Amino acid sequence: MSENLGPEAPKSAAFFLTEITKFVQEIAPNITSSQMDQLKELKKGVITANCQAIRLVQENCQQKINVYEVIEKNSRSMVETQQKIIREFKVVMEQLREEVMMLRKEQEIAEMLDDLEKELAARVI
């Protein structure tokens, strides 16, 4: 049956169940109305089950989307936090450089004062 449908045929459960119903009517022309009703109920059951399966797949996909959105949000937050830490680190490093420069100047001044004190002490003697 499916080889007669062609590649562009719909792939839904309802389509195939309708085709099955037509096929059953062709091969069993004496099918009773009770049997036809059972076939229709079976068709409804398959369509309902198919809809439930689709809904479950959609829910599963939505859950995965939600997880990926949380992961993306957390990743962005981590990147922002990392960038903030890097900025703060650069500020602290600059402050330390300035402090080192001040300490070097203080050291130079202290050495100059020591030299001056030694020179003055040498002159006094």
N, C-alpha and C. Protein backbone atom coordinates (compact mmCIF):
# COMPACT_ATOMS: atom_id res chain seq x y z
N MET A 1 0.82 -1.19 0.00
CA MET A 1 0.00 0.00 0.00
C MET A 1 0.86 1.25 0.00
N SER A 2 1.86 1.36 0.89
CA SER A 2 2.64 2.59 0.99
C SER A 2 3.48 2.85 -0.24
N GLU A 3 3.85 1.77 -0.97
CA GLU A 3 4.64 2.01 -2.17
C GLU A 3 3.80 2.68 -3.26
N ASN A 4 2.47 2.57 -3.17
CA ASN A 4 1.58 3.20 -4.15
C ASN A 4 1.30 4.66 -3.82
N LEU A 5 1.68 5.10 -2.63
CA LEU A 5 1.34 6.45 -2.18
C LEU A 5 2.29 7.50 -2.73
N GLY A 6 3.52 7.14 -2.97
CA GLY A 6 4.49 8.11 -3.48
C GLY A 6 5.20 8.82 -2.34
N PRO A 7 6.33 9.45 -2.64
CA PRO A 7 7.13 10.10 -1.59
C PRO A 7 6.49 11.35 -1.01
N GLU A 8 5.55 11.96 -1.75
CA GLU A 8 4.94 13.20 -1.24
C GLU A 8 3.71 12.93 -0.38
N ALA A 9 3.39 11.67 -0.12
CA ALA A 9 2.22 11.33 0.68
C ALA A 9 2.41 11.79 2.12
N PRO A 10 1.32 12.22 2.76
CA PRO A 10 1.42 12.63 4.17
C PRO A 10 1.83 11.44 5.04
N LYS A 11 2.44 11.72 6.15
CA LYS A 11 2.94 10.66 7.03
C LYS A 11 2.21 10.64 8.37
N SER A 12 1.01 11.20 8.45
CA SER A 12 0.30 11.25 9.73
C SER A 12 -0.43 9.94 9.99
N ALA A 13 -0.68 9.66 11.26
CA ALA A 13 -1.41 8.46 11.65
C ALA A 13 -2.82 8.48 11.07
N ALA A 14 -3.47 9.63 11.10
CA ALA A 14 -4.84 9.74 10.58
C ALA A 14 -4.89 9.37 9.10
N PHE A 15 -3.93 9.81 8.34
CA PHE A 15 -3.88 9.50 6.91
C PHE A 15 -3.78 8.00 6.70
N PHE A 16 -2.85 7.37 7.39
CA PHE A 16 -2.64 5.93 7.21
C PHE A 16 -3.83 5.13 7.72
N LEU A 17 -4.45 5.57 8.80
CA LEU A 17 -5.62 4.86 9.30
C LEU A 17 -6.79 4.96 8.32
N THR A 18 -6.94 6.10 7.69
CA THR A 18 -7.97 6.25 6.66
C THR A 18 -7.68 5.32 5.49
N GLU A 19 -6.42 5.24 5.11
CA GLU A 19 -6.03 4.34 4.02
C GLU A 19 -6.30 2.89 4.41
N ILE A 20 -6.02 2.53 5.66
CA ILE A 20 -6.28 1.16 6.12
C ILE A 20 -7.77 0.87 6.07
N THR A 21 -8.58 1.84 6.51
CA THR A 21 -10.03 1.66 6.47
C THR A 21 -10.51 1.44 5.04
N LYS A 22 -10.02 2.23 4.10
CA LYS A 22 -10.39 2.06 2.69
C LYS A 22 -9.97 0.67 2.20
N PHE A 23 -8.77 0.26 2.57
CA PHE A 23 -8.24 -1.04 2.14
C PHE A 23 -9.10 -2.17 2.69
N VAL A 24 -9.48 -2.06 3.98
CA VAL A 24 -10.33 -3.09 4.60
C VAL A 24 -11.67 -3.16 3.88
N GLN A 25 -12.24 -2.01 3.53
CA GLN A 25 -13.53 -2.00 2.82
C GLN A 25 -13.40 -2.64 1.44
N GLU A 26 -12.24 -2.45 0.80
CA GLU A 26 -12.02 -3.05 -0.52
C GLU A 26 -11.89 -4.56 -0.43
N ILE A 27 -11.13 -5.04 0.55
CA ILE A 27 -10.89 -6.49 0.61
C ILE A 27 -11.98 -7.23 1.37
N ALA A 28 -12.78 -6.52 2.12
CA ALA A 28 -13.87 -7.15 2.88
C ALA A 28 -15.16 -6.38 2.66
N PRO A 29 -15.75 -6.52 1.47
CA PRO A 29 -16.97 -5.75 1.18
C PRO A 29 -18.14 -6.14 2.08
N ASN A 30 -18.09 -7.29 2.69
CA ASN A 30 -19.20 -7.73 3.53
C ASN A 30 -18.97 -7.40 5.00
N ILE A 31 -18.09 -6.45 5.27
CA ILE A 31 -17.81 -6.07 6.66
C ILE A 31 -19.09 -5.52 7.29
N THR A 32 -19.35 -5.94 8.50
CA THR A 32 -20.58 -5.51 9.16
C THR A 32 -20.41 -4.09 9.70
N SER A 33 -21.53 -3.47 9.97
CA SER A 33 -21.47 -2.11 10.52
C SER A 33 -20.83 -2.13 11.90
N SER A 34 -21.03 -3.19 12.65
CA SER A 34 -20.41 -3.32 13.96
C SER A 34 -18.88 -3.41 13.82
N GLN A 35 -18.43 -4.19 12.85
CA GLN A 35 -17.00 -4.30 12.61
C GLN A 35 -16.42 -2.96 12.13
N MET A 36 -17.20 -2.25 11.29
CA MET A 36 -16.75 -0.93 10.82
C MET A 36 -16.68 0.04 11.98
N ASP A 37 -17.65 -0.03 12.89
CA ASP A 37 -17.62 0.84 14.07
C ASP A 37 -16.40 0.54 14.93
N GLN A 38 -16.08 -0.76 15.07
CA GLN A 38 -14.89 -1.14 15.83
C GLN A 38 -13.62 -0.59 15.17
N LEU A 39 -13.60 -0.66 13.85
CA LEU A 39 -12.46 -0.13 13.11
C LEU A 39 -12.35 1.38 13.31
N LYS A 40 -13.50 2.08 13.31
CA LYS A 40 -13.49 3.53 13.53
C LYS A 40 -13.03 3.86 14.95
N GLU A 41 -13.47 3.07 15.93
CA GLU A 41 -13.03 3.28 17.31
C GLU A 41 -11.53 3.05 17.44
N LEU A 42 -11.07 2.00 16.76
CA LEU A 42 -9.63 1.74 16.76
C LEU A 42 -8.87 2.91 16.15
N LYS A 43 -9.42 3.46 15.07
CA LYS A 43 -8.80 4.63 14.41
C LYS A 43 -8.74 5.80 15.39
N LYS A 44 -9.85 6.06 16.10
CA LYS A 44 -9.87 7.16 17.08
C LYS A 44 -8.83 6.92 18.18
N GLY A 45 -8.74 5.66 18.63
CA GLY A 45 -7.77 5.33 19.68
C GLY A 45 -6.34 5.57 19.23
N VAL A 46 -6.05 5.17 17.99
CA VAL A 46 -4.70 5.38 17.47
C VAL A 46 -4.40 6.87 17.33
N ILE A 47 -5.37 7.63 16.84
CA ILE A 47 -5.17 9.08 16.70
C ILE A 47 -4.97 9.72 18.07
N THR A 48 -5.77 9.30 19.06
CA THR A 48 -5.62 9.83 20.42
C THR A 48 -4.24 9.49 20.98
N ALA A 49 -3.83 8.24 20.81
CA ALA A 49 -2.51 7.84 21.29
C ALA A 49 -1.41 8.62 20.59
N ASN A 50 -1.58 8.84 19.30
CA ASN A 50 -0.60 9.62 18.53
C ASN A 50 -0.54 11.05 19.05
N CYS A 51 -1.70 11.64 19.32
CA CYS A 51 -1.74 13.01 19.86
C CYS A 51 -1.06 13.08 21.23
N GLN A 52 -1.31 12.07 22.06
CA GLN A 52 -0.67 12.05 23.38
C GLN A 52 0.84 11.91 23.24
N ALA A 53 1.26 11.07 22.31
CA ALA A 53 2.70 10.90 22.10
C ALA A 53 3.32 12.21 21.62
N ILE A 54 2.64 12.89 20.72
CA ILE A 54 3.14 14.19 20.23
C ILE A 54 3.22 15.18 21.38
N ARG A 55 2.17 15.20 22.23
CA ARG A 55 2.17 16.12 23.37
C ARG A 55 3.33 15.82 24.32
N LEU A 56 3.59 14.52 24.56
CA LEU A 56 4.71 14.14 25.43
C LEU A 56 6.04 14.56 24.82
N VAL A 57 6.17 14.39 23.52
CA VAL A 57 7.41 14.81 22.84
C VAL A 57 7.56 16.33 22.95
N GLN A 58 6.45 17.06 22.76
CA GLN A 58 6.51 18.53 22.89
C GLN A 58 6.90 18.94 24.30
N GLU A 59 6.31 18.27 25.31
CA GLU A 59 6.65 18.59 26.70
C GLU A 59 8.12 18.29 26.97
N ASN A 60 8.59 17.16 26.46
CA ASN A 60 9.99 16.79 26.64
C ASN A 60 10.90 17.83 25.99
N CYS A 61 10.54 18.23 24.77
CA CYS A 61 11.34 19.25 24.07
C CYS A 61 11.32 20.57 24.84
N GLN A 62 10.15 20.94 25.37
CA GLN A 62 10.05 22.19 26.13
C GLN A 62 10.91 22.12 27.38
N GLN A 63 10.92 20.96 28.05
CA GLN A 63 11.77 20.81 29.23
C GLN A 63 13.24 20.96 28.86
N LYS A 64 13.63 20.37 27.74
CA LYS A 64 15.02 20.51 27.30
C LYS A 64 15.33 21.96 26.95
N ILE A 65 14.39 22.63 26.30
CA ILE A 65 14.58 24.06 25.98
C ILE A 65 14.77 24.84 27.28
N ASN A 66 13.93 24.55 28.28
CA ASN A 66 14.04 25.25 29.56
C ASN A 66 15.41 25.02 30.20
N VAL A 67 15.87 23.77 30.16
CA VAL A 67 17.19 23.45 30.73
C VAL A 67 18.28 24.21 29.98
N TYR A 68 18.20 24.20 28.64
CA TYR A 68 19.21 24.90 27.85
C TYR A 68 19.17 26.41 28.09
N GLU A 69 17.96 26.96 28.31
CA GLU A 69 17.86 28.39 28.61
C GLU A 69 18.53 28.69 29.95
N VAL A 70 18.33 27.82 30.94
CA VAL A 70 18.98 28.01 32.25
C VAL A 70 20.49 27.90 32.10
N ILE A 71 20.94 26.91 31.33
CA ILE A 71 22.39 26.76 31.11
C ILE A 71 22.94 27.99 30.42
N GLU A 72 22.22 28.49 29.41
CA GLU A 72 22.68 29.69 28.69
C GLU A 72 22.74 30.89 29.63
N LYS A 73 21.69 31.04 30.46
CA LYS A 73 21.65 32.15 31.41
C LYS A 73 22.82 32.04 32.40
N ASN A 74 23.05 30.83 32.91
CA ASN A 74 24.16 30.63 33.84
C ASN A 74 25.50 30.89 33.17
N SER A 75 25.62 30.48 31.92
CA SER A 75 26.87 30.72 31.18
C SER A 75 27.11 32.21 31.02
N ARG A 76 26.05 32.93 30.65
CA ARG A 76 26.19 34.39 30.51
C ARG A 76 26.59 35.01 31.84
N SER A 77 25.94 34.55 32.90
CA SER A 77 26.24 35.09 34.23
C SER A 77 27.69 34.80 34.60
N MET A 78 28.15 33.59 34.28
CA MET A 78 29.55 33.24 34.58
C MET A 78 30.51 34.11 33.78
N VAL A 79 30.19 34.35 32.53
CA VAL A 79 31.05 35.20 31.69
C VAL A 79 31.07 36.62 32.25
N GLU A 80 29.88 37.14 32.61
CA GLU A 80 29.82 38.49 33.18
C GLU A 80 30.61 38.57 34.48
N THR A 81 30.47 37.54 35.32
CA THR A 81 31.21 37.51 36.58
C THR A 81 32.71 37.45 36.31
N GLN A 82 33.10 36.64 35.35
CA GLN A 82 34.52 36.53 35.00
C GLN A 82 35.05 37.88 34.50
N GLN A 83 34.27 38.55 33.66
CA GLN A 83 34.70 39.86 33.16
C GLN A 83 34.80 40.87 34.29
N LYS A 84 33.86 40.81 35.23
CA LYS A 84 33.90 41.72 36.38
C LYS A 84 35.15 41.45 37.22
N ILE A 85 35.45 40.18 37.46
CA ILE A 85 36.64 39.83 38.24
C ILE A 85 37.90 40.32 37.53
N ILE A 86 37.95 40.17 36.22
CA ILE A 86 39.12 40.63 35.46
C ILE A 86 39.26 42.14 35.57
N ARG A 87 38.14 42.88 35.46
CA ARG A 87 38.20 44.35 35.60
C ARG A 87 38.70 44.73 36.99
N GLU A 88 38.16 44.07 38.02
CA GLU A 88 38.58 44.36 39.39
C GLU A 88 40.06 44.01 39.59
N PHE A 89 40.49 42.91 39.01
CA PHE A 89 41.89 42.50 39.09
C PHE A 89 42.79 43.56 38.47
N LYS A 90 42.39 44.09 37.33
CA LYS A 90 43.19 45.13 36.66
C LYS A 90 43.27 46.38 37.52
N VAL A 91 42.16 46.74 38.16
CA VAL A 91 42.17 47.92 39.04
C VAL A 91 43.12 47.68 40.21
N VAL A 92 43.03 46.51 40.83
CA VAL A 92 43.90 46.19 41.97
C VAL A 92 45.36 46.18 41.53
N MET A 93 45.63 45.61 40.36
CA MET A 93 47.01 45.58 39.85
C MET A 93 47.53 47.00 39.63
N GLU A 94 46.71 47.87 39.10
CA GLU A 94 47.14 49.26 38.89
C GLU A 94 47.40 49.94 40.23
N GLN A 95 46.54 49.68 41.21
CA GLN A 95 46.76 50.25 42.54
C GLN A 95 48.07 49.73 43.14
N LEU A 96 48.33 48.46 42.95
CA LEU A 96 49.58 47.88 43.47
C LEU A 96 50.79 48.49 42.76
N ARG A 97 50.70 48.70 41.46
CA ARG A 97 51.81 49.33 40.72
C ARG A 97 52.09 50.72 41.28
N GLU A 98 51.01 51.48 41.51
CA GLU A 98 51.17 52.83 42.06
C GLU A 98 51.79 52.76 43.45
N GLU A 99 51.35 51.80 44.25
CA GLU A 99 51.89 51.66 45.60
C GLU A 99 53.37 51.27 45.55
N VAL A 100 53.73 50.38 44.63
CA VAL A 100 55.13 49.99 44.48
C VAL A 100 55.96 51.20 44.07
N MET A 101 55.44 52.02 43.16
CA MET A 101 56.17 53.23 42.74
C MET A 101 56.36 54.17 43.92
N MET A 102 55.31 54.33 44.75
CA MET A 102 55.44 55.20 45.92
C MET A 102 56.46 54.63 46.90
N LEU A 103 56.45 53.31 47.09
CA LEU A 103 57.42 52.69 48.00
C LEU A 103 58.84 52.86 47.48
N ARG A 104 59.01 52.74 46.16
CA ARG A 104 60.35 52.94 45.58
C ARG A 104 60.81 54.38 45.80
N LYS A 105 59.90 55.33 45.59
CA LYS A 105 60.25 56.73 45.81
C LYS A 105 60.60 56.97 47.28
N GLU A 106 59.79 56.37 48.18
CA GLU A 106 60.08 56.51 49.61
C GLU A 106 61.44 55.89 49.94
N GLN A 107 61.73 54.74 49.32
CA GLN A 107 63.03 54.09 49.54
C GLN A 107 64.16 54.98 49.04
N GLU A 108 63.97 55.56 47.85
CA GLU A 108 65.00 56.46 47.30
C GLU A 108 65.21 57.66 48.23
N ILE A 109 64.08 58.22 48.71
CA ILE A 109 64.17 59.37 49.62
C ILE A 109 64.88 58.96 50.91
N ALA A 110 64.52 57.77 51.43
CA ALA A 110 65.16 57.29 52.67
C ALA A 110 66.65 57.10 52.45
N GLU A 111 67.04 56.54 51.30
CA GLU A 111 68.46 56.36 51.00
C GLU A 111 69.16 57.71 50.87
N MET A 112 68.48 58.67 50.22
CA MET A 112 69.07 60.00 50.08
C MET A 112 69.25 60.65 51.46
N LEU A 113 68.26 60.49 52.33
CA LEU A 113 68.36 61.05 53.67
C LEU A 113 69.48 60.38 54.47
N ASP A 114 69.59 59.06 54.31
CA ASP A 114 70.70 58.34 54.97
C ASP A 114 72.05 58.87 54.48
N ASP A 115 72.16 59.01 53.15
CA ASP A 115 73.41 59.53 52.59
C ASP A 115 73.69 60.94 53.11
N LEU A 116 72.65 61.76 53.14
CA LEU A 116 72.80 63.14 53.62
C LEU A 116 73.21 63.14 55.09
N GLU A 117 72.58 62.28 55.87
CA GLU A 117 72.90 62.19 57.29
C GLU A 117 74.36 61.75 57.48
N LYS A 118 74.79 60.78 56.68
CA LYS A 118 76.18 60.32 56.77
C LYS A 118 77.13 61.44 56.37
N GLU A 119 76.78 62.15 55.33
CA GLU A 119 77.64 63.25 54.86
C GLU A 119 77.72 64.34 55.92
N LEU A 120 76.57 64.68 56.51
CA LEU A 120 76.58 65.69 57.57
C LEU A 120 77.36 65.20 58.79
N ALA A 121 77.20 63.96 59.11
CA ALA A 121 77.93 63.40 60.26
C ALA A 121 79.43 63.43 59.98
N ALA A 122 79.82 63.18 58.74
CA ALA A 122 81.24 63.18 58.38
C ALA A 122 81.79 64.60 58.46
N ARG A 123 81.01 65.59 58.14
CA ARG A 123 81.48 66.98 58.18
C ARG A 123 81.61 67.47 59.62
N VAL A 124 80.73 67.00 60.48
CA VAL A 124 80.75 67.45 61.86
C VAL A 124 81.98 66.91 62.57
N ILE A 125 82.40 65.80 62.28
CA ILE A 125 83.53 65.19 62.98
C ILE A 125 84.78 65.88 62.63
